[in-house]
């Protein structure tokens, strides 16, 4: 598909337009540009509620693309040796690793981490 503007999937739910200059507006969210590590104001907390009694470490307030969030989540999970997930601007690390996560983030250049 060389002409991506004419892709029918992007025009779903558009009935008809006689205007040749009509542009189709999509509902795709634009991802924020990833802030430099030193400007990120990450907050690390421990949570146990609504998790079936399991404790998780949560890293919040990440500003950036989903790929960068997942990459940071992968790094933290690997260094802590546990599982977790990264989505919606949050990184969940299984277990109680608040101090270790803060230390790892500061080593990576996230200086405004608390």
PDB file of N, CA and C in Angstrom:
ATOM      1  N   UNK A   1       0.827  -1.172   0.000  1.00  0.00           N
ATOM      2  CA  UNK A   1       0.000   0.000   0.000  1.00  0.00           C
ATOM      3  C   UNK A   1       0.878   1.243   0.000  1.00  0.00           C
ATOM      4  N   UNK A   2       1.145   1.741  -1.159  1.00  0.00           N
ATOM      5  CA  UNK A   2       2.035   2.878  -1.286  1.00  0.00           C
ATOM      6  C   UNK A   2       1.371   4.163  -0.814  1.00  0.00           C
ATOM      7  N   UNK A   3       0.081   4.320  -1.082  1.00  0.00           N
ATOM      8  CA  UNK A   3      -0.606   5.554  -0.717  1.00  0.00           C
ATOM      9  C   UNK A   3      -1.355   5.345   0.592  1.00  0.00           C
ATOM     10  N   UNK A   4      -0.707   5.645   1.700  1.00  0.00           N
ATOM     11  CA  UNK A   4      -1.277   5.393   3.027  1.00  0.00           C
ATOM     12  C   UNK A   4      -2.474   6.289   3.308  1.00  0.00           C
ATOM     13  N   UNK A   5      -2.576   7.474   2.641  1.00  0.00           N
ATOM     14  CA  UNK A   5      -3.701   8.380   2.872  1.00  0.00           C
ATOM     15  C   UNK A   5      -5.011   7.772   2.388  1.00  0.00           C
ATOM     16  N   UNK A   6      -4.942   6.867   1.460  1.00  0.00           N
ATOM     17  CA  UNK A   6      -6.138   6.295   0.876  1.00  0.00           C
ATOM     18  C   UNK A   6      -6.485   4.947   1.503  1.00  0.00           C
ATOM     19  N   UNK A   7      -5.955   4.656   2.658  1.00  0.00           N
ATOM     20  CA  UNK A   7      -6.213   3.394   3.329  1.00  0.00           C
ATOM     21  C   UNK A   7      -7.644   3.394   3.859  1.00  0.00           C
ATOM     22  N   UNK A   8      -8.455   2.451   3.470  1.00  0.00           N
ATOM     23  CA  UNK A   8      -9.866   2.426   3.843  1.00  0.00           C
ATOM     24  C   UNK A   8     -10.084   2.230   5.331  1.00  0.00           C
ATOM     25  N   UNK A   9      -9.130   1.605   6.044  1.00  0.00           N
ATOM     26  CA  UNK A   9      -9.303   1.359   7.474  1.00  0.00           C
ATOM     27  C   UNK A   9      -9.331   2.661   8.266  1.00  0.00           C
ATOM     28  N   UNK A  10      -8.623   3.670   7.775  1.00  0.00           N
ATOM     29  CA  UNK A  10      -8.614   4.953   8.462  1.00  0.00           C
ATOM     30  C   UNK A  10      -9.894   5.734   8.226  1.00  0.00           C
ATOM     31  N   UNK A  11     -10.707   5.313   7.248  1.00  0.00           N
ATOM     32  CA  UNK A  11     -11.937   6.035   6.926  1.00  0.00           C
ATOM     33  C   UNK A  11     -13.181   5.304   7.408  1.00  0.00           C
ATOM     34  N   UNK A  12     -13.033   4.332   8.285  1.00  0.00           N
ATOM     35  CA  UNK A  12     -14.199   3.639   8.805  1.00  0.00           C
ATOM     36  C   UNK A  12     -15.118   4.629   9.498  1.00  0.00           C
ATOM     37  N   UNK A  13     -16.407   4.418   9.385  1.00  0.00           N
ATOM     38  CA  UNK A  13     -17.460   5.257   9.969  1.00  0.00           C
ATOM     39  C   UNK A  13     -17.601   6.605   9.271  1.00  0.00           C
ATOM     40  N   UNK A  14     -16.914   6.847   8.159  1.00  0.00           N
ATOM     41  CA  UNK A  14     -17.128   8.025   7.333  1.00  0.00           C
ATOM     42  C   UNK A  14     -18.056   7.587   6.213  1.00  0.00           C
ATOM     43  N   UNK A  15     -19.190   8.256   6.067  1.00  0.00           N
ATOM     44  CA  UNK A  15     -20.166   7.813   5.091  1.00  0.00           C
ATOM     45  C   UNK A  15     -19.793   8.282   3.689  1.00  0.00           C
ATOM     46  N   UNK A  16     -19.718   9.611   3.491  1.00  0.00           N
ATOM     47  CA  UNK A  16     -19.435  10.099   2.158  1.00  0.00           C
ATOM     48  C   UNK A  16     -19.106  11.578   2.239  1.00  0.00           C
ATOM     49  N   UNK A  17     -18.220  12.043   1.397  1.00  0.00           N
ATOM     50  CA  UNK A  17     -17.909  13.462   1.309  1.00  0.00           C
ATOM     51  C   UNK A  17     -17.665  13.820  -0.147  1.00  0.00           C
ATOM     52  N   UNK A  18     -18.308  14.903  -0.608  1.00  0.00           N
ATOM     53  CA  UNK A  18     -18.108  15.355  -1.986  1.00  0.00           C
ATOM     54  C   UNK A  18     -16.959  16.342  -2.090  1.00  0.00           C
ATOM     55  N   UNK A  19     -16.455  16.806  -0.952  1.00  0.00           N
ATOM     56  CA  UNK A  19     -15.357  17.759  -0.936  1.00  0.00           C
ATOM     57  C   UNK A  19     -14.054  17.022  -1.261  1.00  0.00           C
ATOM     58  N   UNK A  20     -13.377  17.356  -2.370  1.00  0.00           N
ATOM     59  CA  UNK A  20     -12.141  16.644  -2.713  1.00  0.00           C
ATOM     60  C   UNK A  20     -10.990  16.939  -1.740  1.00  0.00           C
ATOM     61  N   UNK A  21     -11.077  18.051  -0.985  1.00  0.00           N
ATOM     62  CA  UNK A  21     -10.026  18.408  -0.036  1.00  0.00           C
ATOM     63  C   UNK A  21     -10.350  17.981   1.384  1.00  0.00           C
ATOM     64  N   UNK A  22     -11.384  17.160   1.559  1.00  0.00           N
ATOM     65  CA  UNK A  22     -11.790  16.726   2.893  1.00  0.00           C
ATOM     66  C   UNK A  22     -10.701  15.858   3.504  1.00  0.00           C
ATOM     67  N   UNK A  23     -10.325  16.178   4.739  1.00  0.00           N
ATOM     68  CA  UNK A  23      -9.328  15.345   5.411  1.00  0.00           C
ATOM     69  C   UNK A  23     -10.030  14.545   6.495  1.00  0.00           C
ATOM     70  N   UNK A  24      -9.696  13.291   6.557  1.00  0.00           N
ATOM     71  CA  UNK A  24     -10.298  12.397   7.528  1.00  0.00           C
ATOM     72  C   UNK A  24      -9.605  12.578   8.863  1.00  0.00           C
ATOM     73  N   UNK A  25     -10.384  12.839   9.885  1.00  0.00           N
ATOM     74  CA  UNK A  25      -9.837  13.047  11.219  1.00  0.00           C
ATOM     75  C   UNK A  25      -9.950  11.736  11.977  1.00  0.00           C
ATOM     76  N   UNK A  26      -8.827  11.291  12.489  1.00  0.00           N
ATOM     77  CA  UNK A  26      -8.830  10.042  13.244  1.00  0.00           C
ATOM     78  C   UNK A  26      -8.736  10.344  14.727  1.00  0.00           C
ATOM     79  N   UNK A  27      -9.080   9.384  15.556  1.00  0.00           N
ATOM     80  CA  UNK A  27      -9.075   9.551  17.004  1.00  0.00           C
ATOM     81  C   UNK A  27      -7.776   9.064  17.632  1.00  0.00           C
ATOM     82  N   UNK A  28      -6.734   8.862  16.844  1.00  0.00           N
ATOM     83  CA  UNK A  28      -5.480   8.361  17.395  1.00  0.00           C
ATOM     84  C   UNK A  28      -4.856   9.409  18.301  1.00  0.00           C
ATOM     85  N   UNK A  29      -4.394   8.965  19.468  1.00  0.00           N
ATOM     86  CA  UNK A  29      -3.710   9.860  20.377  1.00  0.00           C
ATOM     87  C   UNK A  29      -2.262  10.010  19.928  1.00  0.00           C
ATOM     88  N   UNK A  30      -1.783  11.241  19.964  1.00  0.00           N
ATOM     89  CA  UNK A  30      -0.374  11.436  19.678  1.00  0.00           C
ATOM     90  C   UNK A  30       0.403  11.152  20.948  1.00  0.00           C
ATOM     91  N   UNK A  31       1.477  10.404  20.811  1.00  0.00           N
ATOM     92  CA  UNK A  31       2.291  10.091  21.981  1.00  0.00           C
ATOM     93  C   UNK A  31       3.191  11.275  22.301  1.00  0.00           C
ATOM     94  N   UNK A  32       3.347  11.523  23.587  1.00  0.00           N
ATOM     95  CA  UNK A  32       4.231  12.587  24.025  1.00  0.00           C
ATOM     96  C   UNK A  32       5.667  12.231  23.704  1.00  0.00           C
ATOM     97  N   UNK A  33       6.459  13.275  23.438  1.00  0.00           N
ATOM     98  CA  UNK A  33       7.876  13.048  23.266  1.00  0.00           C
ATOM     99  C   UNK A  33       8.467  12.707  24.627  1.00  0.00           C
ATOM    100  N   UNK A  34       9.414  11.819  24.653  1.00  0.00           N
ATOM    101  CA  UNK A  34      10.015  11.409  25.910  1.00  0.00           C
ATOM    102  C   UNK A  34      10.926  12.514  26.437  1.00  0.00           C
ATOM    103  N   UNK A  35      10.679  12.912  27.682  1.00  0.00           N
ATOM    104  CA  UNK A  35      11.530  13.903  28.322  1.00  0.00           C
ATOM    105  C   UNK A  35      12.886  13.287  28.625  1.00  0.00           C
ATOM    106  N   UNK A  36      13.943  14.116  28.685  1.00  0.00           N
ATOM    107  CA  UNK A  36      15.249  13.588  29.098  1.00  0.00           C
ATOM    108  C   UNK A  36      15.174  13.019  30.515  1.00  0.00           C
ATOM    109  N   UNK A  37      16.032  12.061  30.817  1.00  0.00           N
ATOM    110  CA  UNK A  37      15.994  11.378  32.114  1.00  0.00           C
ATOM    111  C   UNK A  37      16.025  12.341  33.290  1.00  0.00           C
ATOM    112  N   UNK A  38      16.846  13.373  33.221  1.00  0.00           N
ATOM    113  CA  UNK A  38      16.986  14.312  34.331  1.00  0.00           C
ATOM    114  C   UNK A  38      15.752  15.157  34.573  1.00  0.00           C
ATOM    115  N   UNK A  39      14.864  15.291  33.578  1.00  0.00           N
ATOM    116  CA  UNK A  39      13.656  16.101  33.723  1.00  0.00           C
ATOM    117  C   UNK A  39      12.440  15.284  34.146  1.00  0.00           C
ATOM    118  N   UNK A  40      12.554  13.972  34.135  1.00  0.00           N
ATOM    119  CA  UNK A  40      11.438  13.112  34.542  1.00  0.00           C
ATOM    120  C   UNK A  40      11.247  13.218  36.048  1.00  0.00           C
ATOM    121  N   UNK A  41      10.012  13.425  36.481  1.00  0.00           N
ATOM    122  CA  UNK A  41       9.711  13.495  37.914  1.00  0.00           C
ATOM    123  C   UNK A  41       8.970  12.220  38.313  1.00  0.00           C
ATOM    124  N   UNK A  42       9.714  11.128  38.380  1.00  0.00           N
ATOM    125  CA  UNK A  42       9.126   9.827  38.672  1.00  0.00           C
ATOM    126  C   UNK A  42       8.852   9.688  40.165  1.00  0.00           C
ATOM    127  N   UNK A  43       7.749   9.018  40.493  1.00  0.00           N
ATOM    128  CA  UNK A  43       7.386   8.757  41.878  1.00  0.00           C
ATOM    129  C   UNK A  43       7.255   7.250  42.060  1.00  0.00           C
ATOM    130  N   UNK A  44       7.944   6.724  43.061  1.00  0.00           N
ATOM    131  CA  UNK A  44       7.953   5.288  43.329  1.00  0.00           C
ATOM    132  C   UNK A  44       7.170   5.045  44.607  1.00  0.00           C
ATOM    133  N   UNK A  45       6.235   4.088  44.559  1.00  0.00           N
ATOM    134  CA  UNK A  45       5.442   3.779  45.747  1.00  0.00           C
ATOM    135  C   UNK A  45       5.171   2.280  45.810  1.00  0.00           C
ATOM    136  N   UNK A  46       4.752   1.858  46.993  1.00  0.00           N
ATOM    137  CA  UNK A  46       4.387   0.458  47.234  1.00  0.00           C
ATOM    138  C   UNK A  46       2.866   0.405  47.365  1.00  0.00           C
ATOM    139  N   UNK A  47       2.257  -0.592  46.739  1.00  0.00           N
ATOM    140  CA  UNK A  47       0.805  -0.725  46.830  1.00  0.00           C
ATOM    141  C   UNK A  47       0.435  -2.180  47.026  1.00  0.00           C
ATOM    142  N   UNK A  48      -0.583  -2.406  47.840  1.00  0.00           N
ATOM    143  CA  UNK A  48      -1.038  -3.763  48.112  1.00  0.00           C
ATOM    144  C   UNK A  48      -2.535  -3.910  47.849  1.00  0.00           C
ATOM    145  N   UNK A  49      -3.249  -2.796  47.788  1.00  0.00           N
ATOM    146  CA  UNK A  49      -4.703  -2.819  47.613  1.00  0.00           C
ATOM    147  C   UNK A  49      -5.099  -3.318  46.227  1.00  0.00           C
ATOM    148  N   UNK A  50      -6.178  -4.067  46.165  1.00  0.00           N
ATOM    149  CA  UNK A  50      -6.770  -4.567  44.921  1.00  0.00           C
ATOM    150  C   UNK A  50      -5.814  -5.425  44.110  1.00  0.00           C
ATOM    151  N   UNK A  51      -4.923  -6.110  44.761  1.00  0.00           N
ATOM    152  CA  UNK A  51      -3.948  -6.935  44.057  1.00  0.00           C
ATOM    153  C   UNK A  51      -3.916  -8.353  44.612  1.00  0.00           C
ATOM    154  N   UNK A  52      -4.978  -8.766  45.248  1.00  0.00           N
ATOM    155  CA  UNK A  52      -5.045 -10.127  45.766  1.00  0.00           C
ATOM    156  C   UNK A  52      -4.047 -10.393  46.876  1.00  0.00           C
ATOM    157  N   UNK A  53      -3.717  -9.366  47.654  1.00  0.00           N
ATOM    158  CA  UNK A  53      -2.773  -9.541  48.750  1.00  0.00           C
ATOM    159  C   UNK A  53      -1.316  -9.462  48.335  1.00  0.00           C
ATOM    160  N   UNK A  54      -1.055  -9.316  47.053  1.00  0.00           N
ATOM    161  CA  UNK A  54       0.328  -9.226  46.556  1.00  0.00           C
ATOM    162  C   UNK A  54       0.809  -7.779  46.632  1.00  0.00           C
ATOM    163  N   UNK A  55       2.071  -7.602  46.923  1.00  0.00           N
ATOM    164  CA  UNK A  55       2.670  -6.275  46.994  1.00  0.00           C
ATOM    165  C   UNK A  55       3.343  -5.950  45.669  1.00  0.00           C
ATOM    166  N   UNK A  56       3.131  -4.716  45.173  1.00  0.00           N
ATOM    167  CA  UNK A  56       3.790  -4.279  43.947  1.00  0.00           C
ATOM    168  C   UNK A  56       4.450  -2.925  44.181  1.00  0.00           C
ATOM    169  N   UNK A  57       5.515  -2.685  43.458  1.00  0.00           N
ATOM    170  CA  UNK A  57       6.184  -1.390  43.446  1.00  0.00           C
ATOM    171  C   UNK A  57       5.741  -0.687  42.174  1.00  0.00           C
ATOM    172  N   UNK A  58       5.251   0.546  42.303  1.00  0.00           N
ATOM    173  CA  UNK A  58       4.723   1.282  41.163  1.00  0.00           C
ATOM    174  C   UNK A  58       5.590   2.508  40.895  1.00  0.00           C
ATOM    175  N   UNK A  59       5.982   2.685  39.637  1.00  0.00           N
ATOM    176  CA  UNK A  59       6.705   3.880  39.203  1.00  0.00           C
ATOM    177  C   UNK A  59       5.715   4.688  38.362  1.00  0.00           C
ATOM    178  N   UNK A  60       5.396   5.893  38.824  1.00  0.00           N
ATOM    179  CA  UNK A  60       4.386   6.733  38.159  1.00  0.00           C
ATOM    180  C   UNK A  60       5.015   7.974  37.544  1.00  0.00           C
ATOM    181  N   UNK A  61       4.203   8.681  36.747  1.00  0.00           N
ATOM    182  CA  UNK A  61       4.502   9.995  36.159  1.00  0.00           C
ATOM    183  C   UNK A  61       5.551   9.953  35.056  1.00  0.00           C
ATOM    184  N   UNK A  62       5.702   8.835  34.360  1.00  0.00           N
ATOM    185  CA  UNK A  62       6.624   8.787  33.232  1.00  0.00           C
ATOM    186  C   UNK A  62       6.006   9.551  32.069  1.00  0.00           C
ATOM    187  N   UNK A  63       6.747  10.471  31.477  1.00  0.00           N
ATOM    188  CA  UNK A  63       6.278  11.238  30.328  1.00  0.00           C
ATOM    189  C   UNK A  63       7.091  10.802  29.123  1.00  0.00           C
ATOM    190  N   UNK A  64       6.423  10.179  28.158  1.00  0.00           N
ATOM    191  CA  UNK A  64       7.141   9.738  26.966  1.00  0.00           C
ATOM    192  C   UNK A  64       6.362   8.709  26.181  1.00  0.00           C
ATOM    193  N   UNK A  65       7.023   8.137  25.212  1.00  0.00           N
ATOM    194  CA  UNK A  65       6.389   7.161  24.334  1.00  0.00           C
ATOM    195  C   UNK A  65       6.227   5.815  25.048  1.00  0.00           C
ATOM    196  N   UNK A  66       5.309   5.035  24.546  1.00  0.00           N
ATOM    197  CA  UNK A  66       5.074   3.713  25.123  1.00  0.00           C
ATOM    198  C   UNK A  66       6.275   2.802  25.011  1.00  0.00           C
ATOM    199  N   UNK A  67       7.025   2.936  23.919  1.00  0.00           N
ATOM    200  CA  UNK A  67       8.214   2.100  23.739  1.00  0.00           C
ATOM    201  C   UNK A  67       9.285   2.418  24.779  1.00  0.00           C
ATOM    202  N   UNK A  68       9.464   3.711  25.069  1.00  0.00           N
ATOM    203  CA  UNK A  68      10.455   4.098  26.080  1.00  0.00           C
ATOM    204  C   UNK A  68      10.028   3.637  27.470  1.00  0.00           C
ATOM    205  N   UNK A  69       8.726   3.698  27.735  1.00  0.00           N
ATOM    206  CA  UNK A  69       8.195   3.218  29.014  1.00  0.00           C
ATOM    207  C   UNK A  69       8.449   1.722  29.164  1.00  0.00           C
ATOM    208  N   UNK A  70       8.168   0.970  28.113  1.00  0.00           N
ATOM    209  CA  UNK A  70       8.382  -0.486  28.163  1.00  0.00           C
ATOM    210  C   UNK A  70       9.855  -0.831  28.314  1.00  0.00           C
ATOM    211  N   UNK A  71      10.711  -0.043  27.669  1.00  0.00           N
ATOM    212  CA  UNK A  71      12.155  -0.283  27.772  1.00  0.00           C
ATOM    213  C   UNK A  71      12.638  -0.057  29.204  1.00  0.00           C
ATOM    214  N   UNK A  72      12.175   1.021  29.835  1.00  0.00           N
ATOM    215  CA  UNK A  72      12.539   1.289  31.222  1.00  0.00           C
ATOM    216  C   UNK A  72      11.970   0.205  32.132  1.00  0.00           C
ATOM    217  N   UNK A  73      10.743  -0.222  31.884  1.00  0.00           N
ATOM    218  CA  UNK A  73      10.144  -1.303  32.662  1.00  0.00           C
ATOM    219  C   UNK A  73      10.921  -2.591  32.536  1.00  0.00           C
ATOM    220  N   UNK A  74      11.363  -2.896  31.329  1.00  0.00           N
ATOM    221  CA  UNK A  74      12.157  -4.110  31.096  1.00  0.00           C
ATOM    222  C   UNK A  74      13.464  -4.053  31.875  1.00  0.00           C
ATOM    223  N   UNK A  75      14.103  -2.879  31.872  1.00  0.00           N
ATOM    224  CA  UNK A  75      15.355  -2.711  32.601  1.00  0.00           C
ATOM    225  C   UNK A  75      15.139  -2.940  34.101  1.00  0.00           C
ATOM    226  N   UNK A  76      14.104  -2.323  34.660  1.00  0.00           N
ATOM    227  CA  UNK A  76      13.847  -2.457  36.102  1.00  0.00           C
ATOM    228  C   UNK A  76      13.496  -3.896  36.474  1.00  0.00           C
ATOM    229  N   UNK A  77      12.672  -4.548  35.666  1.00  0.00           N
ATOM    230  CA  UNK A  77      12.290  -5.931  35.957  1.00  0.00           C
ATOM    231  C   UNK A  77      13.499  -6.850  35.906  1.00  0.00           C
ATOM    232  N   UNK A  78      14.385  -6.624  34.942  1.00  0.00           N
ATOM    233  CA  UNK A  78      15.582  -7.448  34.810  1.00  0.00           C
ATOM    234  C   UNK A  78      16.504  -7.260  36.009  1.00  0.00           C
ATOM    235  N   UNK A  79      16.739  -6.000  36.392  1.00  0.00           N
ATOM    236  CA  UNK A  79      17.648  -5.714  37.506  1.00  0.00           C
ATOM    237  C   UNK A  79      17.104  -6.221  38.837  1.00  0.00           C
ATOM    238  N   UNK A  80      15.766  -6.212  38.993  1.00  0.00           N
ATOM    239  CA  UNK A  80      15.167  -6.706  40.235  1.00  0.00           C
ATOM    240  C   UNK A  80      14.944  -8.213  40.191  1.00  0.00           C
ATOM    241  N   UNK A  81      14.990  -8.798  39.002  1.00  0.00           N
ATOM    242  CA  UNK A  81      14.815 -10.238  38.863  1.00  0.00           C
ATOM    243  C   UNK A  81      13.391 -10.705  39.086  1.00  0.00           C
ATOM    244  N   UNK A  82      12.417  -9.837  38.751  1.00  0.00           N
ATOM    245  CA  UNK A  82      11.011 -10.179  38.948  1.00  0.00           C
ATOM    246  C   UNK A  82      10.212  -9.802  37.714  1.00  0.00           C
ATOM    247  N   UNK A  83       8.929 -10.117  37.738  1.00  0.00           N
ATOM    248  CA  UNK A  83       8.028  -9.765  36.647  1.00  0.00           C
ATOM    249  C   UNK A  83       7.357  -8.432  36.898  1.00  0.00           C
ATOM    250  N   UNK A  84       6.508  -8.066  35.972  1.00  0.00           N
ATOM    251  CA  UNK A  84       5.775  -6.822  36.096  1.00  0.00           C
ATOM    252  C   UNK A  84       5.213  -6.418  34.747  1.00  0.00           C
ATOM    253  N   UNK A  85       4.772  -5.150  34.651  1.00  0.00           N
ATOM    254  CA  UNK A  85       4.236  -4.649  33.394  1.00  0.00           C
ATOM    255  C   UNK A  85       4.486  -3.160  33.296  1.00  0.00           C
ATOM    256  N   UNK A  86       4.330  -2.633  32.080  1.00  0.00           N
ATOM    257  CA  UNK A  86       4.512  -1.206  31.839  1.00  0.00           C
ATOM    258  C   UNK A  86       3.440  -0.746  30.863  1.00  0.00           C
ATOM    259  N   UNK A  87       2.513   0.086  31.348  1.00  0.00           N
ATOM    260  CA  UNK A  87       1.481   0.632  30.472  1.00  0.00           C
ATOM    261  C   UNK A  87       0.830   1.840  31.141  1.00  0.00           C
ATOM    262  N   UNK A  88       0.226   2.686  30.344  1.00  0.00           N
ATOM    263  CA  UNK A  88      -0.493   3.871  30.818  1.00  0.00           C
ATOM    264  C   UNK A  88       0.362   4.777  31.701  1.00  0.00           C
ATOM    265  N   UNK A  89       1.616   4.937  31.382  1.00  0.00           N
ATOM    266  CA  UNK A  89       2.491   5.824  32.141  1.00  0.00           C
ATOM    267  C   UNK A  89       2.935   5.274  33.482  1.00  0.00           C
ATOM    268  N   UNK A  90       2.680   3.986  33.731  1.00  0.00           N
ATOM    269  CA  UNK A  90       3.067   3.362  34.993  1.00  0.00           C
ATOM    270  C   UNK A  90       3.861   2.089  34.731  1.00  0.00           C
ATOM    271  N   UNK A  91       4.793   1.834  35.636  1.00  0.00           N
ATOM    272  CA  UNK A  91       5.547   0.581  35.600  1.00  0.00           C
ATOM    273  C   UNK A  91       5.243  -0.158  36.890  1.00  0.00           C
ATOM    274  N   UNK A  92       4.757  -1.394  36.779  1.00  0.00           N
ATOM    275  CA  UNK A  92       4.469  -2.225  37.941  1.00  0.00           C
ATOM    276  C   UNK A  92       5.563  -3.268  38.065  1.00  0.00           C
ATOM    277  N   UNK A  93       6.184  -3.333  39.237  1.00  0.00           N
ATOM    278  CA  UNK A  93       7.212  -4.327  39.530  1.00  0.00           C
ATOM    279  C   UNK A  93       6.669  -5.210  40.640  1.00  0.00           C
ATOM    280  N   UNK A  94       6.635  -6.512  40.413  1.00  0.00           N
ATOM    281  CA  UNK A  94       6.092  -7.421  41.417  1.00  0.00           C
ATOM    282  C   UNK A  94       7.036  -7.507  42.607  1.00  0.00           C
ATOM    283  N   UNK A  95       6.514  -7.221  43.795  1.00  0.00           N
ATOM    284  CA  UNK A  95       7.310  -7.294  45.010  1.00  0.00           C
ATOM    285  C   UNK A  95       7.594  -5.921  45.587  1.00  0.00           C
ATOM    286  N   UNK A  96       8.258  -5.915  46.722  1.00  0.00           N
ATOM    287  CA  UNK A  96       8.550  -4.683  47.438  1.00  0.00           C
ATOM    288  C   UNK A  96      10.008  -4.288  47.184  1.00  0.00           C
ATOM    289  N   UNK A  97      10.212  -3.452  46.154  1.00  0.00           N
ATOM    290  CA  UNK A  97      11.555  -3.078  45.714  1.00  0.00           C
ATOM    291  C   UNK A  97      11.722  -1.567  45.638  1.00  0.00           C
ATOM    292  N   UNK A  98      11.043  -0.810  46.501  1.00  0.00           N
ATOM    293  CA  UNK A  98      11.057   0.646  46.398  1.00  0.00           C
ATOM    294  C   UNK A  98      12.470   1.226  46.440  1.00  0.00           C
ATOM    295  N   UNK A  99      13.250   0.871  47.440  1.00  0.00           N
ATOM    296  CA  UNK A  99      14.602   1.434  47.573  1.00  0.00           C
ATOM    297  C   UNK A  99      15.487   1.033  46.405  1.00  0.00           C
ATOM    298  N   UNK A 100      15.400  -0.226  45.980  1.00  0.00           N
ATOM    299  CA  UNK A 100      16.227  -0.704  44.881  1.00  0.00           C
ATOM    300  C   UNK A 100      15.854  -0.014  43.574  1.00  0.00           C
ATOM    301  N   UNK A 101      14.550   0.178  43.342  1.00  0.00           N
ATOM    302  CA  UNK A 101      14.088   0.836  42.116  1.00  0.00           C
ATOM    303  C   UNK A 101      14.542   2.290  42.094  1.00  0.00           C
ATOM    304  N   UNK A 102      14.433   2.991  43.218  1.00  0.00           N
ATOM    305  CA  UNK A 102      14.891   4.385  43.287  1.00  0.00           C
ATOM    306  C   UNK A 102      16.387   4.463  42.994  1.00  0.00           C
ATOM    307  N   UNK A 103      17.149   3.561  43.579  1.00  0.00           N
ATOM    308  CA  UNK A 103      18.608   3.526  43.354  1.00  0.00           C
ATOM    309  C   UNK A 103      18.920   3.257  41.879  1.00  0.00           C
ATOM    310  N   UNK A 104      18.213   2.304  41.258  1.00  0.00           N
ATOM    311  CA  UNK A 104      18.442   1.987  39.847  1.00  0.00           C
ATOM    312  C   UNK A 104      18.079   3.166  38.948  1.00  0.00           C
ATOM    313  N   UNK A 105      16.969   3.836  39.259  1.00  0.00           N
ATOM    314  CA  UNK A 105      16.547   4.979  38.448  1.00  0.00           C
ATOM    315  C   UNK A 105      17.554   6.126  38.540  1.00  0.00           C
ATOM    316  N   UNK A 106      18.078   6.362  39.735  1.00  0.00           N
ATOM    317  CA  UNK A 106      19.072   7.430  39.897  1.00  0.00           C
ATOM    318  C   UNK A 106      20.359   7.095  39.146  1.00  0.00           C
ATOM    319  N   UNK A 107      20.751   5.821  39.103  1.00  0.00           N
ATOM    320  CA  UNK A 107      21.921   5.413  38.328  1.00  0.00           C
ATOM    321  C   UNK A 107      21.712   5.643  36.843  1.00  0.00           C
ATOM    322  N   UNK A 108      20.459   5.515  36.385  1.00  0.00           N
ATOM    323  CA  UNK A 108      20.127   5.703  34.964  1.00  0.00           C
ATOM    324  C   UNK A 108      19.967   7.175  34.611  1.00  0.00           C
ATOM    325  N   UNK A 109      20.072   8.075  35.603  1.00  0.00           N
ATOM    326  CA  UNK A 109      20.009   9.506  35.316  1.00  0.00           C
ATOM    327  C   UNK A 109      18.689  10.162  35.659  1.00  0.00           C
ATOM    328  N   UNK A 110      17.776   9.435  36.259  1.00  0.00           N
ATOM    329  CA  UNK A 110      16.488  10.005  36.681  1.00  0.00           C
ATOM    330  C   UNK A 110      16.701  10.647  38.049  1.00  0.00           C
ATOM    331  N   UNK A 111      17.251  11.858  38.060  1.00  0.00           N
ATOM    332  CA  UNK A 111      17.691  12.497  39.298  1.00  0.00           C
ATOM    333  C   UNK A 111      16.541  13.004  40.161  1.00  0.00           C
ATOM    334  N   UNK A 112      15.360  13.277  39.588  1.00  0.00           N
ATOM    335  CA  UNK A 112      14.254  13.824  40.359  1.00  0.00           C
ATOM    336  C   UNK A 112      13.299  12.728  40.849  1.00  0.00           C
ATOM    337  N   UNK A 113      13.807  11.561  41.084  1.00  0.00           N
ATOM    338  CA  UNK A 113      13.006  10.417  41.523  1.00  0.00           C
ATOM    339  C   UNK A 113      12.842  10.452  43.039  1.00  0.00           C
ATOM    340  N   UNK A 114      11.620  10.191  43.493  1.00  0.00           N
ATOM    341  CA  UNK A 114      11.341  10.105  44.925  1.00  0.00           C
ATOM    342  C   UNK A 114      10.583   8.840  45.225  1.00  0.00           C
TER     343      UNK A 114
END
